[in-house]
Amino acid sequence: MSWPGGAGSAAAARSRRPLTPHEIRTVRLRRLGPRKGYDPAEVDALLRRLAEEAAGRDRTIGDLAARLSRAEAELAQRRGVARDQTPLAGRLAEIERARTAQQYADELIEVAQHAAAQLVEQAKRQAAALLNDAHRVAAQTAQASRARPVAR
């Protein structure tokens, strides 16, 4: 494997520091011969190194993210901001969401009350119709029983 810029101690120094994107793009792997491809040992070595560097960078990113989170919490604590407090814009958005939710709830209550009133009216009409039918059947039954002769 040959790196841009020569060999020797510079190449040894490069093997100890992370590869730059330019180095990755310009690395030259030795071919084994015409149409035989690259040296598998060099390809494997490059892949191992890239994997180690990616893992190291992932660890570094994770560590930095944790440090940033701790620093932000410490800063908020030093400023006297409680953890559950949000900036003004966030509080205003929260208030607007609550207002919208309240409007929606009020509309739902109004619709439910209207539907309930309609159901009560319908139930009253049905009850009146049933009562009228019962009175009519009772009157017919009474009239029929008066019209029949009593058997002795």
Protein backbone atom coordinates (compact mmCIF):
# COMPACT_ATOMS: atom_id res chain seq x y z
CA MET A 1 0.00 0.00 0.00
CA SER A 2 1.48 3.36 -0.89
CA TRP A 3 0.34 6.68 0.49
CA PRO A 4 0.58 9.98 -1.33
CA GLY A 5 3.64 11.96 -0.45
CA GLY A 6 6.21 9.18 -0.24
CA ALA A 7 7.24 6.43 2.14
CA GLY A 8 9.52 5.91 5.11
CA SER A 9 9.09 7.60 8.46
CA ALA A 10 6.33 9.84 7.09
CA ALA A 11 4.35 6.71 6.19
CA ALA A 12 4.96 5.30 9.67
CA ALA A 13 3.70 8.55 11.21
CA ARG A 14 0.62 8.39 8.98
CA SER A 15 -0.16 4.90 10.25
CA ARG A 16 -0.49 6.27 13.81
CA ARG A 17 -2.85 9.18 13.08
CA PRO A 18 -6.36 9.08 11.59
CA LEU A 19 -6.56 8.95 7.84
CA THR A 20 -7.73 12.08 6.14
CA PRO A 21 -10.45 11.88 3.50
CA HIS A 22 -7.83 12.86 0.92
CA GLU A 23 -5.58 9.97 1.95
CA ILE A 24 -8.44 7.51 1.74
CA ARG A 25 -9.37 8.74 -1.74
CA THR A 26 -5.79 8.63 -3.04
CA VAL A 27 -4.44 5.44 -1.45
CA ARG A 28 -2.92 3.07 -3.98
CA LEU A 29 -3.10 -0.65 -3.40
CA ARG A 30 -0.52 -2.85 -5.10
CA ARG A 31 -1.92 -5.09 -7.83
CA LEU A 32 -0.85 -8.71 -7.82
CA GLY A 33 -0.54 -8.85 -11.55
CA PRO A 34 -2.48 -8.12 -14.67
CA ARG A 35 -6.19 -8.82 -14.03
CA LYS A 36 -5.50 -10.45 -10.64
CA GLY A 37 -6.77 -7.57 -8.50
CA TYR A 38 -5.41 -6.06 -5.30
CA ASP A 39 -3.31 -7.74 -2.66
CA PRO A 40 -5.89 -9.19 -0.22
CA ALA A 41 -3.60 -8.60 2.76
CA GLU A 42 -3.34 -4.89 1.94
CA VAL A 43 -7.11 -4.60 1.41
CA ASP A 44 -7.77 -6.37 4.72
CA ALA A 45 -5.26 -4.13 6.52
CA LEU A 46 -6.87 -1.02 5.07
CA LEU A 47 -10.36 -2.21 6.01
CA ARG A 48 -9.25 -3.02 9.59
CA ARG A 49 -7.66 0.41 9.93
CA LEU A 50 -10.72 2.20 8.56
CA ALA A 51 -12.98 0.20 10.88
CA GLU A 52 -10.80 1.00 13.91
CA GLU A 53 -10.77 4.69 13.02
CA ALA A 54 -14.53 4.77 12.49
CA ALA A 55 -15.05 3.05 15.86
CA GLY A 56 -12.67 5.50 17.52
CA ARG A 57 -14.46 8.46 15.99
CA ASP A 58 -17.82 7.05 17.11
CA ARG A 59 -16.49 6.74 20.67
CA THR A 60 -15.14 10.28 20.50
CA ILE A 61 -18.47 11.61 19.22
CA GLY A 62 -20.31 9.78 22.01
CA ASP A 63 -17.93 11.12 24.64
CA LEU A 64 -18.22 14.66 23.30
CA ALA A 65 -22.02 14.45 23.19
CA ALA A 66 -22.08 13.31 26.83
CA ARG A 67 -19.69 16.10 27.84
CA LEU A 68 -21.81 18.65 26.00
CA SER A 69 -24.94 17.42 27.73
CA ARG A 70 -23.27 17.66 31.15
CA ALA A 71 -21.93 21.14 30.33
CA GLU A 72 -25.38 22.34 29.22
CA ALA A 73 -26.94 21.00 32.42
CA GLU A 74 -24.27 22.67 34.51
CA LEU A 75 -24.72 25.96 32.65
CA ALA A 76 -28.47 25.84 33.17
CA GLN A 77 -27.95 25.11 36.86
CA ARG A 78 -25.49 27.99 37.21
CA ARG A 79 -27.97 30.32 35.54
CA GLY A 80 -30.60 29.21 37.99
CA VAL A 81 -32.85 27.68 35.39
CA ALA A 82 -34.81 24.70 36.62
CA ARG A 83 -34.55 21.62 34.43
CA ASP A 84 -38.27 21.66 33.67
CA GLN A 85 -38.36 25.32 32.63
CA THR A 86 -38.27 26.11 28.95
CA PRO A 87 -37.31 29.31 27.15
CA LEU A 88 -40.01 31.92 26.56
CA ALA A 89 -40.67 30.84 22.97
CA GLY A 90 -41.20 27.27 24.13
CA ARG A 91 -43.56 28.39 26.90
CA LEU A 92 -45.55 30.52 24.44
CA ALA A 93 -45.87 27.58 22.06
CA GLU A 94 -47.02 25.42 24.96
CA ILE A 95 -49.65 28.01 25.93
CA GLU A 96 -50.86 28.20 22.32
CA ARG A 97 -51.18 24.40 22.16
CA ALA A 98 -53.18 24.46 25.41
CA ARG A 99 -55.46 27.22 24.08
CA THR A 100 -56.06 25.31 20.85
CA ALA A 101 -56.76 22.13 22.80
CA GLN A 102 -59.24 24.00 25.01
CA GLN A 103 -61.04 25.42 21.95
CA TYR A 104 -61.26 21.93 20.47
CA ALA A 105 -62.59 20.52 23.77
CA ASP A 106 -65.19 23.31 23.97
CA GLU A 107 -66.35 22.56 20.42
CA LEU A 108 -66.60 18.85 21.22
CA ILE A 109 -68.67 19.61 24.32
CA GLU A 110 -70.99 21.85 22.30
CA VAL A 111 -71.47 19.16 19.64
CA ALA A 112 -72.05 16.51 22.33
CA GLN A 113 -74.61 18.71 24.12
CA HIS A 114 -76.47 19.36 20.84
CA ALA A 115 -76.48 15.63 20.02
CA ALA A 116 -77.70 14.83 23.55
CA ALA A 117 -80.54 17.37 23.23
CA GLN A 118 -81.57 15.82 19.91
CA LEU A 119 -81.56 12.34 21.48
CA VAL A 120 -83.70 13.57 24.39
CA GLU A 121 -86.21 15.13 21.97
CA GLN A 122 -86.31 11.98 19.87
CA ALA A 123 -86.79 9.85 23.02
CA LYS A 124 -89.65 12.14 24.16
CA ARG A 125 -91.36 11.82 20.75
CA GLN A 126 -90.96 8.03 20.82
CA ALA A 127 -92.28 7.85 24.40
CA ALA A 128 -95.28 9.99 23.45
CA ALA A 129 -95.96 7.80 20.40
CA LEU A 130 -95.70 4.62 22.52
CA LEU A 131 -98.03 6.12 25.14
CA ASN A 132 -100.53 7.13 22.45
CA ASP A 133 -100.37 3.61 20.96
CA ALA A 134 -100.87 2.08 24.41
CA HIS A 135 -103.90 4.35 25.06
CA ARG A 136 -105.34 3.48 21.65
CA VAL A 137 -104.86 -0.28 22.19
CA ALA A 138 -106.31 0.02 25.70
CA ALA A 139 -109.34 1.93 24.38
CA GLN A 140 -109.86 -0.63 21.61
CA THR A 141 -109.58 -3.49 24.06
CA ALA A 142 -112.05 -1.81 26.45
CA GLN A 143 -114.49 -1.12 23.63
CA ALA A 144 -114.19 -4.70 22.36
CA SER A 145 -114.80 -6.12 25.82
CA ARG A 146 -117.93 -3.93 26.25
CA ALA A 147 -119.25 -5.02 22.90
CA ARG A 148 -119.05 -8.74 23.74
CA PRO A 149 -121.88 -10.28 25.58
CA VAL A 150 -121.09 -11.62 29.01
CA ALA A 151 -121.42 -15.38 29.15
CA ARG A 152 -123.24 -16.94 32.14
